[in-house]
Structures are given as structure tokens and as C-alpha cells.
């Protein structure tokens, strides 16, 4: 396994590791670094991947400069290495929504997290991220996404999941691959609820979709999210 780091949007870096043993074509695990006066890392990665991810991030900036750590939900690939990052970056604070903090992170995190309300924003210094709660979408009660308002990049967690390898960022329509991957893994708790949430997120008109698994998308993010919503509604009807 090799861990890569590439700039996929303005001052936005994807750190990515392909695990070839997952699924028929392998599976990528991504973290994103938002370079700002107060840098943010979105997704911590699994504990076993921490040394490789830390070393990749260090090619862009010293890891100890991290100020904020975020992720969509409480799961090993999202926050397994959370406390390792808190140890490596003494000024870093975890940000999450009310359910994530109250149910899990107030206990799991080695330093107290900062609880954000739905719609609350954090100024990173030259960049600004807004938390949007997405309960049970893709699967966990505490699920959230972040919208980076300066570049309109959506840190969408598992909502754009595709399997296999691919470029760091693509302008190709990913909808068919996303729906195919969902048929394979059945990862979403409720395709019908997912469809409604995707349409709500499309209203933000994001220009970049930063996926936890697979390639990031650059282009008309609202069109892609609405197309995914149609696909998930079809899955719900078939079920």
C-alpha cells in the first residue's frame, strides 16, 4: 500500500491510500487537508494508517500545525487515529455535531471536542467551514458533513463512495459508479433518506465533492448530488 498526497482544489489536499484487498477492485481511504491559517484535517484514518498519513501530510506542512480535526461519523476509518493526531498536534481540537460529541466524542477524544450546532461555522483564517447535520446519512445517527464556503467544496464523507482506483480528482460523472458501489456494499442505512439529504445538500451548489472513498469530483456538484438522489430512490424502490 502506498499513501499519496495531491492538491485537488485550491489549497485542498487529498491524502489517499488504496487497500487492494477490499472488494473486487480495491478501496481507497482518503483524508483531506484544508491549508489555512488554522489548518483542518478532515477524516483521521485508521490507527494502522496513521504513520503513513502523517508522513504524507508532512510533505505539505508540519503536522503539529494542525488546528482543527473533523470527520463525518464515529467509525474506524473516520476517526480511528483521532487521538494520535491530537497527540501529534497539541493545539488541535476536534469539531463535530451535538450528537457526535454528546454520545461519543466527549468520552473518546483525549481532549474535549468543540460541539457545533447545525449550520454553525468555524473561521479557519482565509477559509470558513460550515457544519451540516445529516442524521443516519450515510449510516450513523451522528453523521455530519462540512461545507467549505470559500471554495464551495463539500466534505461529503461516505456520500460519494466508489470502489477501485482512479484519479485524485475527476470531472467525469460518478453517479453510475456510486450507485453500483452501493449495490455492492449496501452501506447506507436508508436509500430513501439518503436521497432526501442529497437533494438538500445540492442546494448549496458545491463545485467540488471531496469523497472519503474514491475520486473527488470537480464540476457541477449540485447536478451530481441530484443524480445520486435519483439513483438512491431507485434502490429504495427496488428494495
C-alpha atoms as a PDB file:
ATOM      1  CA  UNK A   1       0.000   0.000   0.000  1.00  0.00           C
ATOM      2  CA  UNK A   2       1.201   3.488  -0.835  1.00  0.00           C
ATOM      3  CA  UNK A   3      -0.151   6.735   0.608  1.00  0.00           C
ATOM      4  CA  UNK A   4      -0.252   9.699  -1.772  1.00  0.00           C
ATOM      5  CA  UNK A   5      -0.957  13.388  -1.302  1.00  0.00           C
ATOM      6  CA  UNK A   6      -2.209  15.613  -4.139  1.00  0.00           C
ATOM      7  CA  UNK A   7      -3.822  19.041  -4.377  1.00  0.00           C
ATOM      8  CA  UNK A   8      -7.393  18.532  -5.637  1.00  0.00           C
ATOM      9  CA  UNK A   9      -8.718  22.080  -5.190  1.00  0.00           C
ATOM     10  CA  UNK A  10      -7.338  25.430  -4.116  1.00  0.00           C
ATOM     11  CA  UNK A  11      -5.199  24.757  -1.001  1.00  0.00           C
ATOM     12  CA  UNK A  12      -7.067  21.465  -0.530  1.00  0.00           C
ATOM     13  CA  UNK A  13      -5.037  18.260  -0.445  1.00  0.00           C
ATOM     14  CA  UNK A  14      -6.229  14.666  -0.695  1.00  0.00           C
ATOM     15  CA  UNK A  15      -4.208  12.093   1.256  1.00  0.00           C
ATOM     16  CA  UNK A  16      -5.144   8.690  -0.119  1.00  0.00           C
ATOM     17  CA  UNK A  17      -4.309   5.032   0.491  1.00  0.00           C
ATOM     18  CA  UNK A  18      -5.516   2.201  -1.757  1.00  0.00           C
ATOM     19  CA  UNK A  19      -6.211  -1.058   0.108  1.00  0.00           C
ATOM     20  CA  UNK A  20      -6.275  -3.665  -2.685  1.00  0.00           C
ATOM     21  CA  UNK A  21      -7.762  -6.478  -0.573  1.00  0.00           C
ATOM     22  CA  UNK A  22     -11.168  -4.788  -0.101  1.00  0.00           C
ATOM     23  CA  UNK A  23     -13.780  -5.631  -2.738  1.00  0.00           C
ATOM     24  CA  UNK A  24     -13.056  -6.872  -6.241  1.00  0.00           C
ATOM     25  CA  UNK A  25     -11.123  -3.749  -7.310  1.00  0.00           C
ATOM     26  CA  UNK A  26      -9.633  -2.388  -4.084  1.00  0.00           C
ATOM     27  CA  UNK A  27     -10.875   0.508  -1.969  1.00  0.00           C
ATOM     28  CA  UNK A  28      -9.415   3.950  -1.266  1.00  0.00           C
ATOM     29  CA  UNK A  29      -9.357   5.685   2.117  1.00  0.00           C
ATOM     30  CA  UNK A  30      -8.998   9.465   1.881  1.00  0.00           C
ATOM     31  CA  UNK A  31      -8.212  12.298   4.249  1.00  0.00           C
ATOM     32  CA  UNK A  32      -8.334  15.985   3.305  1.00  0.00           C
ATOM     33  CA  UNK A  33      -6.129  18.831   4.462  1.00  0.00           C
ATOM     34  CA  UNK A  34      -7.522  22.361   4.178  1.00  0.00           C
ATOM     35  CA  UNK A  35      -4.484  24.621   4.218  1.00  0.00           C
ATOM     36  CA  UNK A  36      -5.337  27.858   6.038  1.00  0.00           C
ATOM     37  CA  UNK A  37      -4.076  29.994   8.894  1.00  0.00           C
ATOM     38  CA  UNK A  38      -5.712  27.387  11.147  1.00  0.00           C
ATOM     39  CA  UNK A  39      -5.408  24.159   9.094  1.00  0.00           C
ATOM     40  CA  UNK A  40      -8.091  21.497   9.246  1.00  0.00           C
ATOM     41  CA  UNK A  41      -7.758  17.754   8.667  1.00  0.00           C
ATOM     42  CA  UNK A  42     -10.992  16.025   7.639  1.00  0.00           C
ATOM     43  CA  UNK A  43     -11.016  12.271   8.338  1.00  0.00           C
ATOM     44  CA  UNK A  44      -8.341  10.884  10.647  1.00  0.00           C
ATOM     45  CA  UNK A  45      -7.902   7.477   9.048  1.00  0.00           C
ATOM     46  CA  UNK A  46      -7.463   4.178  10.832  1.00  0.00           C
ATOM     47  CA  UNK A  47      -4.851   3.836  13.551  1.00  0.00           C
ATOM     48  CA  UNK A  48      -2.765   1.437  11.451  1.00  0.00           C
ATOM     49  CA  UNK A  49      -2.510   4.029   8.660  1.00  0.00           C
ATOM     50  CA  UNK A  50      -1.556   6.931  10.931  1.00  0.00           C
ATOM     51  CA  UNK A  51       2.237   6.865  10.331  1.00  0.00           C
ATOM     52  CA  UNK A  52       1.806   6.840   6.546  1.00  0.00           C
ATOM     53  CA  UNK A  53      -0.882   9.546   6.566  1.00  0.00           C
ATOM     54  CA  UNK A  54       1.134  11.742   8.970  1.00  0.00           C
ATOM     55  CA  UNK A  55       4.235  11.447   6.780  1.00  0.00           C
ATOM     56  CA  UNK A  56       2.214  12.340   3.665  1.00  0.00           C
ATOM     57  CA  UNK A  57       0.723  15.419   5.348  1.00  0.00           C
ATOM     58  CA  UNK A  58       4.214  16.450   6.451  1.00  0.00           C
ATOM     59  CA  UNK A  59       5.155  16.935   2.792  1.00  0.00           C
ATOM     60  CA  UNK A  60       2.826  19.955   2.795  1.00  0.00           C
ATOM     61  CA  UNK A  61       3.114  21.271   6.366  1.00  0.00           C
ATOM     62  CA  UNK A  62       4.328  20.216   9.810  1.00  0.00           C
ATOM     63  CA  UNK A  63       1.616  18.014  11.389  1.00  0.00           C
ATOM     64  CA  UNK A  64       1.921  19.903  14.673  1.00  0.00           C
ATOM     65  CA  UNK A  65       0.443  22.984  12.940  1.00  0.00           C
ATOM     66  CA  UNK A  66      -2.986  21.367  12.668  1.00  0.00           C
ATOM     67  CA  UNK A  67      -5.636  23.383  14.495  1.00  0.00           C
ATOM     68  CA  UNK A  68      -8.861  21.527  13.680  1.00  0.00           C
ATOM     69  CA  UNK A  69      -9.816  17.877  13.119  1.00  0.00           C
ATOM     70  CA  UNK A  70     -13.181  16.837  11.694  1.00  0.00           C
ATOM     71  CA  UNK A  71     -14.930  13.770  10.293  1.00  0.00           C
ATOM     72  CA  UNK A  72     -18.412  12.654   9.299  1.00  0.00           C
ATOM     73  CA  UNK A  73     -19.212   9.965  11.858  1.00  0.00           C
ATOM     74  CA  UNK A  74     -17.680   7.711  14.504  1.00  0.00           C
ATOM     75  CA  UNK A  75     -16.094   4.812  12.631  1.00  0.00           C
ATOM     76  CA  UNK A  76     -12.545   3.445  12.476  1.00  0.00           C
ATOM     77  CA  UNK A  77     -11.659   4.872   9.062  1.00  0.00           C
ATOM     78  CA  UNK A  78     -13.127   8.258  10.022  1.00  0.00           C
ATOM     79  CA  UNK A  79     -11.658   8.715  13.499  1.00  0.00           C
ATOM     80  CA  UNK A  80      -9.604   5.649  14.483  1.00  0.00           C
ATOM     81  CA  UNK A  81      -6.421   7.752  14.596  1.00  0.00           C
ATOM     82  CA  UNK A  82      -8.113  10.755  16.235  1.00  0.00           C
ATOM     83  CA  UNK A  83      -6.106  10.618  19.465  1.00  0.00           C
ATOM     84  CA  UNK A  84      -2.862  10.000  17.590  1.00  0.00           C
ATOM     85  CA  UNK A  85      -3.494  13.248  15.701  1.00  0.00           C
ATOM     86  CA  UNK A  86      -4.354  15.065  18.941  1.00  0.00           C
ATOM     87  CA  UNK A  87      -1.015  13.912  20.345  1.00  0.00           C
ATOM     88  CA  UNK A  88       0.879  14.957  17.206  1.00  0.00           C
ATOM     89  CA  UNK A  89      -0.812  18.391  17.068  1.00  0.00           C
ATOM     90  CA  UNK A  90      -1.010  19.829  20.603  1.00  0.00           C
ATOM     91  CA  UNK A  91      -3.213  22.799  19.532  1.00  0.00           C
ATOM     92  CA  UNK A  92      -5.693  20.737  17.536  1.00  0.00           C
ATOM     93  CA  UNK A  93      -9.353  20.466  18.529  1.00  0.00           C
ATOM     94  CA  UNK A  94     -11.921  18.008  17.196  1.00  0.00           C
ATOM     95  CA  UNK A  95     -15.102  19.560  15.785  1.00  0.00           C
ATOM     96  CA  UNK A  96     -18.371  17.672  15.403  1.00  0.00           C
ATOM     97  CA  UNK A  97     -22.110  17.976  15.799  1.00  0.00           C
ATOM     98  CA  UNK A  98     -24.169  17.752  19.004  1.00  0.00           C
ATOM     99  CA  UNK A  99     -24.935  14.010  18.788  1.00  0.00           C
ATOM    100  CA  UNK A 100     -21.371  13.034  17.920  1.00  0.00           C
ATOM    101  CA  UNK A 101     -19.976  14.985  20.868  1.00  0.00           C
ATOM    102  CA  UNK A 102     -22.625  14.078  23.438  1.00  0.00           C
ATOM    103  CA  UNK A 103     -22.869  10.372  22.571  1.00  0.00           C
ATOM    104  CA  UNK A 104     -19.237   9.504  21.778  1.00  0.00           C
ATOM    105  CA  UNK A 105     -16.544  12.140  21.446  1.00  0.00           C
ATOM    106  CA  UNK A 106     -16.779  13.766  24.877  1.00  0.00           C
ATOM    107  CA  UNK A 107     -15.577  10.382  26.154  1.00  0.00           C
ATOM    108  CA  UNK A 108     -13.450   9.061  23.264  1.00  0.00           C
ATOM    109  CA  UNK A 109     -11.353  12.141  22.499  1.00  0.00           C
ATOM    110  CA  UNK A 110      -8.284  12.767  24.640  1.00  0.00           C
ATOM    111  CA  UNK A 111      -9.107  16.499  24.604  1.00  0.00           C
ATOM    112  CA  UNK A 112     -12.617  17.965  24.741  1.00  0.00           C
ATOM    113  CA  UNK A 113     -14.152  18.447  21.289  1.00  0.00           C
ATOM    114  CA  UNK A 114     -15.864  21.612  20.147  1.00  0.00           C
ATOM    115  CA  UNK A 115     -19.574  20.995  19.628  1.00  0.00           C
ATOM    116  CA  UNK A 116     -21.065  22.783  16.609  1.00  0.00           C
ATOM    117  CA  UNK A 117     -24.770  23.323  16.048  1.00  0.00           C
ATOM    118  CA  UNK A 118     -26.339  22.563  12.684  1.00  0.00           C
ATOM    119  CA  UNK A 119     -25.296  25.408  10.385  1.00  0.00           C
ATOM    120  CA  UNK A 120     -22.592  26.746  12.705  1.00  0.00           C
ATOM    121  CA  UNK A 121     -19.349  27.813  11.015  1.00  0.00           C
ATOM    122  CA  UNK A 122     -15.682  27.906  12.002  1.00  0.00           C
ATOM    123  CA  UNK A 123     -13.310  30.524  10.583  1.00  0.00           C
ATOM    124  CA  UNK A 124     -10.020  28.852   9.658  1.00  0.00           C
ATOM    125  CA  UNK A 125      -8.361  32.129   8.684  1.00  0.00           C
ATOM    126  CA  UNK A 126      -8.820  32.660   4.963  1.00  0.00           C
ATOM    127  CA  UNK A 127     -11.264  29.753   4.792  1.00  0.00           C
ATOM    128  CA  UNK A 128     -14.548  29.001   6.504  1.00  0.00           C
ATOM    129  CA  UNK A 129     -16.287  25.668   7.091  1.00  0.00           C
ATOM    130  CA  UNK A 130     -19.960  25.196   7.979  1.00  0.00           C
ATOM    131  CA  UNK A 131     -21.283  22.036   9.646  1.00  0.00           C
ATOM    132  CA  UNK A 132     -24.451  20.443   8.245  1.00  0.00           C
ATOM    133  CA  UNK A 133     -26.057  17.590  10.193  1.00  0.00           C
ATOM    134  CA  UNK A 134     -27.188  14.568   8.142  1.00  0.00           C
ATOM    135  CA  UNK A 135     -28.660  12.122  10.708  1.00  0.00           C
ATOM    136  CA  UNK A 136     -28.428   8.443   9.643  1.00  0.00           C
ATOM    137  CA  UNK A 137     -26.983   9.504   6.273  1.00  0.00           C
ATOM    138  CA  UNK A 138     -24.974   7.676   5.204  1.00  0.00           C
ATOM    139  CA  UNK A 139     -25.445   5.417   8.211  1.00  0.00           C
ATOM    140  CA  UNK A 140     -24.697   6.753  11.675  1.00  0.00           C
ATOM    141  CA  UNK A 141     -27.001   8.820  13.903  1.00  0.00           C
ATOM    142  CA  UNK A 142     -24.323  11.480  14.436  1.00  0.00           C
ATOM    143  CA  UNK A 143     -23.405  11.914  10.747  1.00  0.00           C
ATOM    144  CA  UNK A 144     -22.428  15.393   9.514  1.00  0.00           C
ATOM    145  CA  UNK A 145     -20.739  16.977   6.502  1.00  0.00           C
ATOM    146  CA  UNK A 146     -18.741  20.199   6.172  1.00  0.00           C
ATOM    147  CA  UNK A 147     -19.158  22.863   3.510  1.00  0.00           C
ATOM    148  CA  UNK A 148     -16.042  24.942   2.829  1.00  0.00           C
ATOM    149  CA  UNK A 149     -17.698  28.230   1.960  1.00  0.00           C
ATOM    150  CA  UNK A 150     -14.723  29.977   0.352  1.00  0.00           C
ATOM    151  CA  UNK A 151     -14.325  27.438  -2.479  1.00  0.00           C
ATOM    152  CA  UNK A 152     -17.773  25.751  -2.163  1.00  0.00           C
ATOM    153  CA  UNK A 153     -16.135  22.367  -1.586  1.00  0.00           C
ATOM    154  CA  UNK A 154     -18.324  19.801   0.174  1.00  0.00           C
ATOM    155  CA  UNK A 155     -16.516  17.419   2.514  1.00  0.00           C
ATOM    156  CA  UNK A 156     -19.125  14.740   1.986  1.00  0.00           C
ATOM    157  CA  UNK A 157     -17.767  11.719   3.848  1.00  0.00           C
ATOM    158  CA  UNK A 158     -19.161   8.441   2.512  1.00  0.00           C
ATOM    159  CA  UNK A 159     -21.812  10.078   0.321  1.00  0.00           C
ATOM    160  CA  UNK A 160     -19.776   9.798  -2.903  1.00  0.00           C
ATOM    161  CA  UNK A 161     -18.271   6.359  -2.301  1.00  0.00           C
ATOM    162  CA  UNK A 162     -16.802   4.493  -5.273  1.00  0.00           C
ATOM    163  CA  UNK A 163     -14.631   1.397  -5.210  1.00  0.00           C
ATOM    164  CA  UNK A 164     -11.440   0.691  -7.156  1.00  0.00           C
ATOM    165  CA  UNK A 165      -8.667   3.045  -8.183  1.00  0.00           C
ATOM    166  CA  UNK A 166      -8.935   6.300 -10.072  1.00  0.00           C
ATOM    167  CA  UNK A 167      -7.536   9.823 -10.310  1.00  0.00           C
ATOM    168  CA  UNK A 168      -7.350  12.082  -7.276  1.00  0.00           C
ATOM    169  CA  UNK A 169      -9.936  14.384  -8.828  1.00  0.00           C
ATOM    170  CA  UNK A 170     -12.142  13.912 -11.866  1.00  0.00           C
ATOM    171  CA  UNK A 171     -14.750  15.821 -13.836  1.00  0.00           C
ATOM    172  CA  UNK A 172     -16.423  12.633 -15.082  1.00  0.00           C
ATOM    173  CA  UNK A 173     -19.967  11.944 -13.905  1.00  0.00           C
ATOM    174  CA  UNK A 174     -19.611   9.498 -10.964  1.00  0.00           C
ATOM    175  CA  UNK A 175     -23.311   8.736 -10.410  1.00  0.00           C
ATOM    176  CA  UNK A 176     -23.446   5.324 -12.075  1.00  0.00           C
ATOM    177  CA  UNK A 177     -20.309   4.167 -10.237  1.00  0.00           C
ATOM    178  CA  UNK A 178     -21.650   5.458  -6.898  1.00  0.00           C
ATOM    179  CA  UNK A 179     -24.917   3.529  -7.309  1.00  0.00           C
ATOM    180  CA  UNK A 180     -23.038   0.407  -8.447  1.00  0.00           C
ATOM    181  CA  UNK A 181     -20.806   0.602  -5.361  1.00  0.00           C
ATOM    182  CA  UNK A 182     -23.851   0.970  -3.106  1.00  0.00           C
ATOM    183  CA  UNK A 183     -25.415  -2.137  -4.671  1.00  0.00           C
ATOM    184  CA  UNK A 184     -22.199  -3.984  -3.790  1.00  0.00           C
ATOM    185  CA  UNK A 185     -21.691  -2.834  -0.188  1.00  0.00           C
ATOM    186  CA  UNK A 186     -25.198  -1.774   0.973  1.00  0.00           C
ATOM    187  CA  UNK A 187     -23.564   0.770   3.247  1.00  0.00           C
ATOM    188  CA  UNK A 188     -26.391   3.332   3.535  1.00  0.00           C
ATOM    189  CA  UNK A 189     -28.950   2.867   6.286  1.00  0.00           C
ATOM    190  CA  UNK A 190     -31.854   4.181   4.216  1.00  0.00           C
ATOM    191  CA  UNK A 191     -31.564   4.917   0.471  1.00  0.00           C
ATOM    192  CA  UNK A 192     -34.785   6.959   0.654  1.00  0.00           C
ATOM    193  CA  UNK A 193     -33.443   9.158   3.485  1.00  0.00           C
ATOM    194  CA  UNK A 194     -30.143   9.444   1.630  1.00  0.00           C
ATOM    195  CA  UNK A 195     -31.936  10.737  -1.480  1.00  0.00           C
ATOM    196  CA  UNK A 196     -33.676  13.492   0.501  1.00  0.00           C
ATOM    197  CA  UNK A 197     -30.404  14.529   2.161  1.00  0.00           C
ATOM    198  CA  UNK A 198     -28.548  14.605  -1.170  1.00  0.00           C
ATOM    199  CA  UNK A 199     -31.162  16.989  -2.576  1.00  0.00           C
ATOM    200  CA  UNK A 200     -30.809  19.203   0.493  1.00  0.00           C
ATOM    201  CA  UNK A 201     -27.026  19.311   0.031  1.00  0.00           C
ATOM    202  CA  UNK A 202     -27.414  20.069  -3.691  1.00  0.00           C
ATOM    203  CA  UNK A 203     -28.975  23.412  -2.718  1.00  0.00           C
ATOM    204  CA  UNK A 204     -25.503  24.552  -1.563  1.00  0.00           C
ATOM    205  CA  UNK A 205     -24.349  24.237  -5.207  1.00  0.00           C
ATOM    206  CA  UNK A 206     -20.908  22.833  -4.394  1.00  0.00           C
ATOM    207  CA  UNK A 207     -18.221  22.994  -7.073  1.00  0.00           C
ATOM    208  CA  UNK A 208     -16.088  20.206  -5.567  1.00  0.00           C
ATOM    209  CA  UNK A 209     -17.200  16.993  -3.844  1.00  0.00           C
ATOM    210  CA  UNK A 210     -14.492  15.609  -1.566  1.00  0.00           C
ATOM    211  CA  UNK A 211     -15.173  11.890  -1.206  1.00  0.00           C
ATOM    212  CA  UNK A 212     -13.962   9.701   1.633  1.00  0.00           C
ATOM    213  CA  UNK A 213     -13.644   6.730  -0.740  1.00  0.00           C
ATOM    214  CA  UNK A 214     -12.699   7.172  -4.388  1.00  0.00           C
ATOM    215  CA  UNK A 215     -12.005  10.201  -6.575  1.00  0.00           C
ATOM    216  CA  UNK A 216     -13.001  13.738  -5.692  1.00  0.00           C
ATOM    217  CA  UNK A 217     -15.343  15.386  -8.202  1.00  0.00           C
ATOM    218  CA  UNK A 218     -14.813  18.844  -9.712  1.00  0.00           C
ATOM    219  CA  UNK A 219     -17.662  20.493 -11.587  1.00  0.00           C
ATOM    220  CA  UNK A 220     -21.399  20.881 -11.118  1.00  0.00           C
ATOM    221  CA  UNK A 221     -21.728  19.196  -7.730  1.00  0.00           C
ATOM    222  CA  UNK A 222     -25.426  20.009  -7.428  1.00  0.00           C
ATOM    223  CA  UNK A 223     -26.167  18.083 -10.633  1.00  0.00           C
ATOM    224  CA  UNK A 224     -24.186  15.081  -9.377  1.00  0.00           C
ATOM    225  CA  UNK A 225     -25.922  15.111  -5.987  1.00  0.00           C
ATOM    226  CA  UNK A 226     -29.360  15.252  -7.622  1.00  0.00           C
ATOM    227  CA  UNK A 227     -28.388  12.408  -9.953  1.00  0.00           C
ATOM    228  CA  UNK A 228     -27.244  10.361  -6.960  1.00  0.00           C
ATOM    229  CA  UNK A 229     -30.571  11.116  -5.245  1.00  0.00           C
ATOM    230  CA  UNK A 230     -32.435   9.679  -8.233  1.00  0.00           C
ATOM    231  CA  UNK A 231     -30.224   6.587  -8.079  1.00  0.00           C
ATOM    232  CA  UNK A 232     -30.798   6.035  -4.384  1.00  0.00           C
ATOM    233  CA  UNK A 233     -34.542   6.453  -4.821  1.00  0.00           C
ATOM    234  CA  UNK A 234     -34.428   3.698  -7.434  1.00  0.00           C
ATOM    235  CA  UNK A 235     -32.552   1.479  -4.990  1.00  0.00           C
ATOM    236  CA  UNK A 236     -35.173   2.172  -2.326  1.00  0.00           C
ATOM    237  CA  UNK A 237     -37.999   1.264  -4.700  1.00  0.00           C
ATOM    238  CA  UNK A 238     -36.235  -1.935  -5.756  1.00  0.00           C
ATOM    239  CA  UNK A 239     -35.810  -2.948  -2.127  1.00  0.00           C
END
